[in-house]
Amino acid sequence: PGQSARATFRVRPRAGEPLHAAAYVGYRTARSPA
C-alpha cells in the first residue's frame, strides 16, 4: 500500500503503419491472478 511500480518498453513500428498496441498489467492476490 502506498507504492507504485513502473517499467519502460521500447516500440519500433513498421514504417508508414499506425501503432496498435496494448499494455497488460498483472498481479496476484487472494491466491488467484488478475
ModelCIF file with pLDDT and N, C-alpha, C, O atoms, coordinates in Angstrom:
data_MODEL
#
_entry.id   MODEL 
#
_entity.id                         1 
_entity.type                       polymer 
_entity.pdbx_number_of_molecules   1 
#
_entity_poly.entity_id                      1 
_entity_poly.type                           'polypeptide(L)' 
_entity_poly.nstd_linkage                   no 
_entity_poly.nstd_monomer                   no 
_entity_poly.pdbx_seq_one_letter_code       PGQSARATFRVRPRAGEPLHAAAYVGYRTARSPA 
_entity_poly.pdbx_seq_one_letter_code_can   PGQSARATFRVRPRAGEPLHAAAYVGYRTARSPA 
_entity_poly.pdbx_strand_id                 A 
#
loop_
_entity_poly_seq.entity_id 
_entity_poly_seq.num 
_entity_poly_seq.mon_id 
_entity_poly_seq.hetero 
1 1  PRO n 
1 2  GLY n 
1 3  GLN n 
1 4  SER n 
1 5  ALA n 
1 6  ARG n 
1 7  ALA n 
1 8  THR n 
1 9  PHE n 
1 10 ARG n 
1 11 VAL n 
1 12 ARG n 
1 13 PRO n 
1 14 ARG n 
1 15 ALA n 
1 16 GLY n 
1 17 GLU n 
1 18 PRO n 
1 19 LEU n 
1 20 HIS n 
1 21 ALA n 
1 22 ALA n 
1 23 ALA n 
1 24 TYR n 
1 25 VAL n 
1 26 GLY n 
1 27 TYR n 
1 28 ARG n 
1 29 THR n 
1 30 ALA n 
1 31 ARG n 
1 32 SER n 
1 33 PRO n 
1 34 ALA n 
#
_struct_asym.id          A 
_struct_asym.entity_id   1 
#
loop_
_ma_qa_metric.id 
_ma_qa_metric.mode 
_ma_qa_metric.name 
_ma_qa_metric.software_group_id 
_ma_qa_metric.type 
1 global pLDDT . pLDDT 
2 local  pLDDT . pLDDT 
#
_ma_qa_metric_global.metric_id      1 
_ma_qa_metric_global.metric_value   87.50 
_ma_qa_metric_global.model_id       1 
_ma_qa_metric_global.ordinal_id     1 
#
loop_
_ma_qa_metric_local.label_asym_id 
_ma_qa_metric_local.label_comp_id 
_ma_qa_metric_local.label_seq_id 
_ma_qa_metric_local.metric_id 
_ma_qa_metric_local.metric_value 
_ma_qa_metric_local.model_id 
_ma_qa_metric_local.ordinal_id 
A PRO 1  2 95.00 1 1  
A GLY 2  2 94.00 1 2  
A GLN 3  2 94.00 1 3  
A SER 4  2 94.00 1 4  
A ALA 5  2 94.00 1 5  
A ARG 6  2 92.00 1 6  
A ALA 7  2 93.00 1 7  
A THR 8  2 91.00 1 8  
A PHE 9  2 92.00 1 9  
A ARG 10 2 90.00 1 10 
A VAL 11 2 89.00 1 11 
A ARG 12 2 85.00 1 12 
A PRO 13 2 81.00 1 13 
A ARG 14 2 77.00 1 14 
A ALA 15 2 72.00 1 15 
A GLY 16 2 70.00 1 16 
A GLU 17 2 73.00 1 17 
A PRO 18 2 74.00 1 18 
A LEU 19 2 77.00 1 19 
A HIS 20 2 82.00 1 20 
A ALA 21 2 86.00 1 21 
A ALA 22 2 90.00 1 22 
A ALA 23 2 92.00 1 23 
A TYR 24 2 93.00 1 24 
A VAL 25 2 95.00 1 25 
A GLY 26 2 94.00 1 26 
A TYR 27 2 95.00 1 27 
A ARG 28 2 93.00 1 28 
A THR 29 2 91.00 1 29 
A ALA 30 2 84.00 1 30 
A ARG 31 2 83.00 1 31 
A SER 32 2 87.00 1 32 
A PRO 33 2 90.00 1 33 
A ALA 34 2 93.00 1 34 
#
loop_
_atom_site.group_PDB 
_atom_site.id 
_atom_site.type_symbol 
_atom_site.label_atom_id 
_atom_site.label_alt_id 
_atom_site.label_comp_id 
_atom_site.label_asym_id 
_atom_site.label_entity_id 
_atom_site.label_seq_id 
_atom_site.pdbx_PDB_ins_code 
_atom_site.Cartn_x 
_atom_site.Cartn_y 
_atom_site.Cartn_z 
_atom_site.occupancy 
_atom_site.B_iso_or_equiv 
_atom_site.pdbx_formal_charge 
_atom_site.auth_seq_id 
_atom_site.auth_comp_id 
_atom_site.auth_asym_id 
_atom_site.auth_atom_id 
_atom_site.pdbx_PDB_model_num 
ATOM 1   N N  . PRO A 1 1  ? 0.835  -1.215  0.000   1.00 95.00 ? 1  PRO A N  1 
ATOM 2   C CA . PRO A 1 1  ? 0.000  0.000   0.000   1.00 95.00 ? 1  PRO A CA 1 
ATOM 3   C C  . PRO A 1 1  ? 0.866  1.260   0.000   1.00 95.00 ? 1  PRO A C  1 
ATOM 4   O O  . PRO A 1 1  ? 1.852  1.355   0.730   1.00 95.00 ? 1  PRO A O  1 
ATOM 5   N N  . GLY A 1 2  ? 0.478  2.214   -0.827  1.00 94.00 ? 2  GLY A N  1 
ATOM 6   C CA . GLY A 1 2  ? 1.219  3.464   -0.919  1.00 94.00 ? 2  GLY A CA 1 
ATOM 7   C C  . GLY A 1 2  ? 2.406  3.432   -1.850  1.00 94.00 ? 2  GLY A C  1 
ATOM 8   O O  . GLY A 1 2  ? 3.168  4.397   -1.896  1.00 94.00 ? 2  GLY A O  1 
ATOM 9   N N  . GLN A 1 3  ? 2.594  2.347   -2.599  1.00 94.00 ? 3  GLN A N  1 
ATOM 10  C CA . GLN A 1 3  ? 3.716  2.254   -3.526  1.00 94.00 ? 3  GLN A CA 1 
ATOM 11  C C  . GLN A 1 3  ? 3.215  2.244   -4.967  1.00 94.00 ? 3  GLN A C  1 
ATOM 12  O O  . GLN A 1 3  ? 2.051  1.950   -5.240  1.00 94.00 ? 3  GLN A O  1 
ATOM 13  N N  . SER A 1 4  ? 4.135  2.575   -5.885  1.00 94.00 ? 4  SER A N  1 
ATOM 14  C CA . SER A 1 4  ? 3.849  2.478   -7.311  1.00 94.00 ? 4  SER A CA 1 
ATOM 15  C C  . SER A 1 4  ? 5.012  1.777   -7.989  1.00 94.00 ? 4  SER A C  1 
ATOM 16  O O  . SER A 1 4  ? 6.147  1.841   -7.516  1.00 94.00 ? 4  SER A O  1 
ATOM 17  N N  . ALA A 1 5  ? 4.731  1.115   -9.085  1.00 94.00 ? 5  ALA A N  1 
ATOM 18  C CA . ALA A 1 5  ? 5.750  0.389   -9.847  1.00 94.00 ? 5  ALA A CA 1 
ATOM 19  C C  . ALA A 1 5  ? 5.609  0.764   -11.313 1.00 94.00 ? 5  ALA A C  1 
ATOM 20  O O  . ALA A 1 5  ? 4.518  1.093   -11.779 1.00 94.00 ? 5  ALA A O  1 
ATOM 21  N N  . ARG A 1 6  ? 6.715  0.712   -12.032 1.00 92.00 ? 6  ARG A N  1 
ATOM 22  C CA . ARG A 1 6  ? 6.682  1.091   -13.438 1.00 92.00 ? 6  ARG A CA 1 
ATOM 23  C C  . ARG A 1 6  ? 7.776  0.369   -14.204 1.00 92.00 ? 6  ARG A C  1 
ATOM 24  O O  . ARG A 1 6  ? 8.757  -0.092  -13.620 1.00 92.00 ? 6  ARG A O  1 
ATOM 25  N N  . ALA A 1 7  ? 7.603  0.274   -15.503 1.00 93.00 ? 7  ALA A N  1 
ATOM 26  C CA . ALA A 1 7  ? 8.600  -0.301  -16.402 1.00 93.00 ? 7  ALA A CA 1 
ATOM 27  C C  . ALA A 1 7  ? 8.426  0.356   -17.761 1.00 93.00 ? 7  ALA A C  1 
ATOM 28  O O  . ALA A 1 7  ? 7.314  0.721   -18.143 1.00 93.00 ? 7  ALA A O  1 
ATOM 29  N N  . THR A 1 8  ? 9.528  0.507   -18.490 1.00 91.00 ? 8  THR A N  1 
ATOM 30  C CA . THR A 1 8  ? 9.528  1.185   -19.776 1.00 91.00 ? 8  THR A CA 1 
ATOM 31  C C  . THR A 1 8  ? 9.738  0.176   -20.896 1.00 91.00 ? 8  THR A C  1 
ATOM 32  O O  . THR A 1 8  ? 10.596 -0.703  -20.805 1.00 91.00 ? 8  THR A O  1 
ATOM 33  N N  . PHE A 1 9  ? 8.939  0.314   -21.959 1.00 92.00 ? 9  PHE A N  1 
ATOM 34  C CA . PHE A 1 9  ? 9.029  -0.554  -23.131 1.00 92.00 ? 9  PHE A CA 1 
ATOM 35  C C  . PHE A 1 9  ? 9.330  0.305   -24.352 1.00 92.00 ? 9  PHE A C  1 
ATOM 36  O O  . PHE A 1 9  ? 8.809  1.411   -24.495 1.00 92.00 ? 9  PHE A O  1 
ATOM 37  N N  . ARG A 1 10 ? 10.180 -0.223  -25.232 1.00 90.00 ? 10 ARG A N  1 
ATOM 38  C CA . ARG A 1 10 ? 10.535 0.457   -26.480 1.00 90.00 ? 10 ARG A CA 1 
ATOM 39  C C  . ARG A 1 10 ? 9.805  -0.233  -27.630 1.00 90.00 ? 10 ARG A C  1 
ATOM 40  O O  . ARG A 1 10 ? 9.850  -1.456  -27.758 1.00 90.00 ? 10 ARG A O  1 
ATOM 41  N N  . VAL A 1 11 ? 9.136  0.558   -28.464 1.00 89.00 ? 11 VAL A N  1 
ATOM 42  C CA . VAL A 1 11 ? 8.341  0.025   -29.572 1.00 89.00 ? 11 VAL A CA 1 
ATOM 43  C C  . VAL A 1 11 ? 8.828  0.665   -30.867 1.00 89.00 ? 11 VAL A C  1 
ATOM 44  O O  . VAL A 1 11 ? 8.941  1.887   -30.960 1.00 89.00 ? 11 VAL A O  1 
ATOM 45  N N  . ARG A 1 12 ? 9.115  -0.172  -31.870 1.00 85.00 ? 12 ARG A N  1 
ATOM 46  C CA . ARG A 1 12 ? 9.511  0.316   -33.190 1.00 85.00 ? 12 ARG A CA 1 
ATOM 47  C C  . ARG A 1 12 ? 8.498  -0.210  -34.208 1.00 85.00 ? 12 ARG A C  1 
ATOM 48  O O  . ARG A 1 12 ? 8.612  -1.354  -34.647 1.00 85.00 ? 12 ARG A O  1 
ATOM 49  N N  . PRO A 1 13 ? 7.500  0.611   -34.593 1.00 81.00 ? 13 PRO A N  1 
ATOM 50  C CA . PRO A 1 13 ? 6.503  0.148   -35.573 1.00 81.00 ? 13 PRO A CA 1 
ATOM 51  C C  . PRO A 1 13 ? 7.069  0.127   -36.982 1.00 81.00 ? 13 PRO A C  1 
ATOM 52  O O  . PRO A 1 13 ? 8.103  0.734   -37.263 1.00 81.00 ? 13 PRO A O  1 
ATOM 53  N N  . ARG A 1 14 ? 6.382  -0.574  -37.855 1.00 77.00 ? 14 ARG A N  1 
ATOM 54  C CA . ARG A 1 14 ? 6.794  -0.603  -39.244 1.00 77.00 ? 14 ARG A CA 1 
ATOM 55  C C  . ARG A 1 14 ? 6.580  0.759   -39.891 1.00 77.00 ? 14 ARG A C  1 
ATOM 56  O O  . ARG A 1 14 ? 5.670  1.500   -39.518 1.00 77.00 ? 14 ARG A O  1 
ATOM 57  N N  . ALA A 1 15 ? 7.412  1.074   -40.847 1.00 72.00 ? 15 ALA A N  1 
ATOM 58  C CA . ALA A 1 15 ? 7.349  2.388   -41.493 1.00 72.00 ? 15 ALA A CA 1 
ATOM 59  C C  . ALA A 1 15 ? 6.003  2.574   -42.183 1.00 72.00 ? 15 ALA A C  1 
ATOM 60  O O  . ALA A 1 15 ? 5.547  1.719   -42.942 1.00 72.00 ? 15 ALA A O  1 
ATOM 61  N N  . GLY A 1 16 ? 5.381  3.716   -41.899 1.00 70.00 ? 16 GLY A N  1 
ATOM 62  C CA . GLY A 1 16 ? 4.123  4.058   -42.558 1.00 70.00 ? 16 GLY A CA 1 
ATOM 63  C C  . GLY A 1 16 ? 2.897  3.392   -41.988 1.00 70.00 ? 16 GLY A C  1 
ATOM 64  O O  . GLY A 1 16 ? 1.806  3.596   -42.521 1.00 70.00 ? 16 GLY A O  1 
ATOM 65  N N  . GLU A 1 17 ? 3.013  2.602   -40.928 1.00 73.00 ? 17 GLU A N  1 
ATOM 66  C CA . GLU A 1 17 ? 1.859  1.913   -40.356 1.00 73.00 ? 17 GLU A CA 1 
ATOM 67  C C  . GLU A 1 17 ? 1.523  2.491   -38.989 1.00 73.00 ? 17 GLU A C  1 
ATOM 68  O O  . GLU A 1 17 ? 2.428  2.797   -38.214 1.00 73.00 ? 17 GLU A O  1 
ATOM 69  N N  . PRO A 1 18 ? 0.239  2.648   -38.678 1.00 74.00 ? 18 PRO A N  1 
ATOM 70  C CA . PRO A 1 18 ? -0.141 3.141   -37.351 1.00 74.00 ? 18 PRO A CA 1 
ATOM 71  C C  . PRO A 1 18 ? 0.174  2.116   -36.268 1.00 74.00 ? 18 PRO A C  1 
ATOM 72  O O  . PRO A 1 18 ? 0.274  0.916   -36.522 1.00 74.00 ? 18 PRO A O  1 
ATOM 73  N N  . LEU A 1 19 ? 0.324  2.621   -35.078 1.00 77.00 ? 19 LEU A N  1 
ATOM 74  C CA . LEU A 1 19 ? 0.664  1.750   -33.947 1.00 77.00 ? 19 LEU A CA 1 
ATOM 75  C C  . LEU A 1 19 ? -0.611 1.260   -33.278 1.00 77.00 ? 19 LEU A C  1 
ATOM 76  O O  . LEU A 1 19 ? -1.445 2.059   -32.849 1.00 77.00 ? 19 LEU A O  1 
ATOM 77  N N  . HIS A 1 20 ? -0.756 -0.054  -33.192 1.00 82.00 ? 20 HIS A N  1 
ATOM 78  C CA . HIS A 1 20 ? -1.864 -0.682  -32.466 1.00 82.00 ? 20 HIS A CA 1 
ATOM 79  C C  . HIS A 1 20 ? -1.244 -1.541  -31.365 1.00 82.00 ? 20 HIS A C  1 
ATOM 80  O O  . HIS A 1 20 ? -0.712 -2.619  -31.630 1.00 82.00 ? 20 HIS A O  1 
ATOM 81  N N  . ALA A 1 21 ? -1.316 -1.061  -30.160 1.00 86.00 ? 21 ALA A N  1 
ATOM 82  C CA . ALA A 1 21 ? -0.645 -1.736  -29.049 1.00 86.00 ? 21 ALA A CA 1 
ATOM 83  C C  . ALA A 1 21 ? -1.540 -1.728  -27.823 1.00 86.00 ? 21 ALA A C  1 
ATOM 84  O O  . ALA A 1 21 ? -2.494 -0.956  -27.727 1.00 86.00 ? 21 ALA A O  1 
ATOM 85  N N  . ALA A 1 22 ? -1.206 -2.608  -26.890 1.00 90.00 ? 22 ALA A N  1 
ATOM 86  C CA . ALA A 1 22 ? -1.913 -2.683  -25.616 1.00 90.00 ? 22 ALA A CA 1 
ATOM 87  C C  . ALA A 1 22 ? -0.931 -3.108  -24.544 1.00 90.00 ? 22 ALA A C  1 
ATOM 88  O O  . ALA A 1 22 ? -0.078 -3.966  -24.769 1.00 90.00 ? 22 ALA A O  1 
ATOM 89  N N  . ALA A 1 23 ? -1.060 -2.499  -23.382 1.00 92.00 ? 23 ALA A N  1 
ATOM 90  C CA . ALA A 1 23 ? -0.249 -2.874  -22.227 1.00 92.00 ? 23 ALA A CA 1 
ATOM 91  C C  . ALA A 1 23 ? -1.077 -3.773  -21.324 1.00 92.00 ? 23 ALA A C  1 
ATOM 92  O O  . ALA A 1 23 ? -2.292 -3.615  -21.210 1.00 92.00 ? 23 ALA A O  1 
ATOM 93  N N  . TYR A 1 24 ? -0.402 -4.718  -20.685 1.00 93.00 ? 24 TYR A N  1 
ATOM 94  C CA . TYR A 1 24 ? -1.063 -5.657  -19.785 1.00 93.00 ? 24 TYR A CA 1 
ATOM 95  C C  . TYR A 1 24 ? -0.421 -5.557  -18.402 1.00 93.00 ? 24 TYR A C  1 
ATOM 96  O O  . TYR A 1 24 ? 0.800  -5.620  -18.255 1.00 93.00 ? 24 TYR A O  1 
ATOM 97  N N  . VAL A 1 25 ? -1.268 -5.402  -17.407 1.00 95.00 ? 25 VAL A N  1 
ATOM 98  C CA . VAL A 1 25 ? -0.828 -5.298  -16.014 1.00 95.00 ? 25 VAL A CA 1 
ATOM 99  C C  . VAL A 1 25 ? -1.410 -6.484  -15.268 1.00 95.00 ? 25 VAL A C  1 
ATOM 100 O O  . VAL A 1 25 ? -2.629 -6.642  -15.194 1.00 95.00 ? 25 VAL A O  1 
ATOM 101 N N  . GLY A 1 26 ? -0.545 -7.314  -14.718 1.00 94.00 ? 26 GLY A N  1 
ATOM 102 C CA . GLY A 1 26 ? -0.988 -8.484  -13.966 1.00 94.00 ? 26 GLY A CA 1 
ATOM 103 C C  . GLY A 1 26 ? -0.548 -8.409  -12.522 1.00 94.00 ? 26 GLY A C  1 
ATOM 104 O O  . GLY A 1 26 ? 0.453  -7.771  -12.195 1.00 94.00 ? 26 GLY A O  1 
ATOM 105 N N  . TYR A 1 27 ? -1.297 -9.060  -11.669 1.00 95.00 ? 27 TYR A N  1 
ATOM 106 C CA . TYR A 1 27 ? -0.945 -9.143  -10.247 1.00 95.00 ? 27 TYR A CA 1 
ATOM 107 C C  . TYR A 1 27 ? -1.677 -10.331 -9.649  1.00 95.00 ? 27 TYR A C  1 
ATOM 108 O O  . TYR A 1 27 ? -2.523 -10.952 -10.293 1.00 95.00 ? 27 TYR A O  1 
ATOM 109 N N  . ARG A 1 28 ? -1.339 -10.629 -8.419  1.00 93.00 ? 28 ARG A N  1 
ATOM 110 C CA . ARG A 1 28 ? -1.943 -11.769 -7.731  1.00 93.00 ? 28 ARG A CA 1 
ATOM 111 C C  . ARG A 1 28 ? -2.292 -11.375 -6.308  1.00 93.00 ? 28 ARG A C  1 
ATOM 112 O O  . ARG A 1 28 ? -1.487 -10.764 -5.605  1.00 93.00 ? 28 ARG A O  1 
ATOM 113 N N  . THR A 1 29 ? -3.485 -11.727 -5.893  1.00 91.00 ? 29 THR A N  1 
ATOM 114 C CA . THR A 1 29 ? -3.908 -11.546 -4.513  1.00 91.00 ? 29 THR A CA 1 
ATOM 115 C C  . THR A 1 29 ? -5.034 -12.535 -4.240  1.00 91.00 ? 29 THR A C  1 
ATOM 116 O O  . THR A 1 29 ? -5.691 -13.006 -5.168  1.00 91.00 ? 29 THR A O  1 
ATOM 117 N N  . ALA A 1 30 ? -5.254 -12.845 -2.981  1.00 84.00 ? 30 ALA A N  1 
ATOM 118 C CA . ALA A 1 30 ? -6.275 -13.825 -2.598  1.00 84.00 ? 30 ALA A CA 1 
ATOM 119 C C  . ALA A 1 30 ? -6.090 -15.139 -3.354  1.00 84.00 ? 30 ALA A C  1 
ATOM 120 O O  . ALA A 1 30 ? -7.068 -15.789 -3.723  1.00 84.00 ? 30 ALA A O  1 
ATOM 121 N N  . ARG A 1 31 ? -4.832 -15.530 -3.585  1.00 83.00 ? 31 ARG A N  1 
ATOM 122 C CA . ARG A 1 31 ? -4.438 -16.815 -4.172  1.00 83.00 ? 31 ARG A CA 1 
ATOM 123 C C  . ARG A 1 31 ? -4.816 -16.986 -5.641  1.00 83.00 ? 31 ARG A C  1 
ATOM 124 O O  . ARG A 1 31 ? -4.771 -18.103 -6.155  1.00 83.00 ? 31 ARG A O  1 
ATOM 125 N N  . SER A 1 32 ? -5.180 -15.929 -6.314  1.00 87.00 ? 32 SER A N  1 
ATOM 126 C CA . SER A 1 32 ? -5.511 -16.063 -7.734  1.00 87.00 ? 32 SER A CA 1 
ATOM 127 C C  . SER A 1 32 ? -5.082 -14.799 -8.469  1.00 87.00 ? 32 SER A C  1 
ATOM 128 O O  . SER A 1 32 ? -5.066 -13.714 -7.887  1.00 87.00 ? 32 SER A O  1 
ATOM 129 N N  . PRO A 1 33 ? -4.729 -14.938 -9.765  1.00 90.00 ? 33 PRO A N  1 
ATOM 130 C CA . PRO A 1 33 ? -4.208 -13.797 -10.522 1.00 90.00 ? 33 PRO A CA 1 
ATOM 131 C C  . PRO A 1 33 ? -5.317 -12.992 -11.184 1.00 90.00 ? 33 PRO A C  1 
ATOM 132 O O  . PRO A 1 33 ? -6.447 -13.452 -11.343 1.00 90.00 ? 33 PRO A O  1 
ATOM 133 N N  . ALA A 1 34 ? -4.949 -11.773 -11.561 1.00 93.00 ? 34 ALA A N  1 
ATOM 134 C CA . ALA A 1 34 ? -5.819 -10.898 -12.346 1.00 93.00 ? 34 ALA A CA 1 
ATOM 135 C C  . ALA A 1 34 ? -4.954 -10.194 -13.375 1.00 93.00 ? 34 ALA A C  1 
ATOM 136 O O  . ALA A 1 34 ? -5.459 -9.396  -14.165 1.00 93.00 ? 34 ALA A O  1 
#
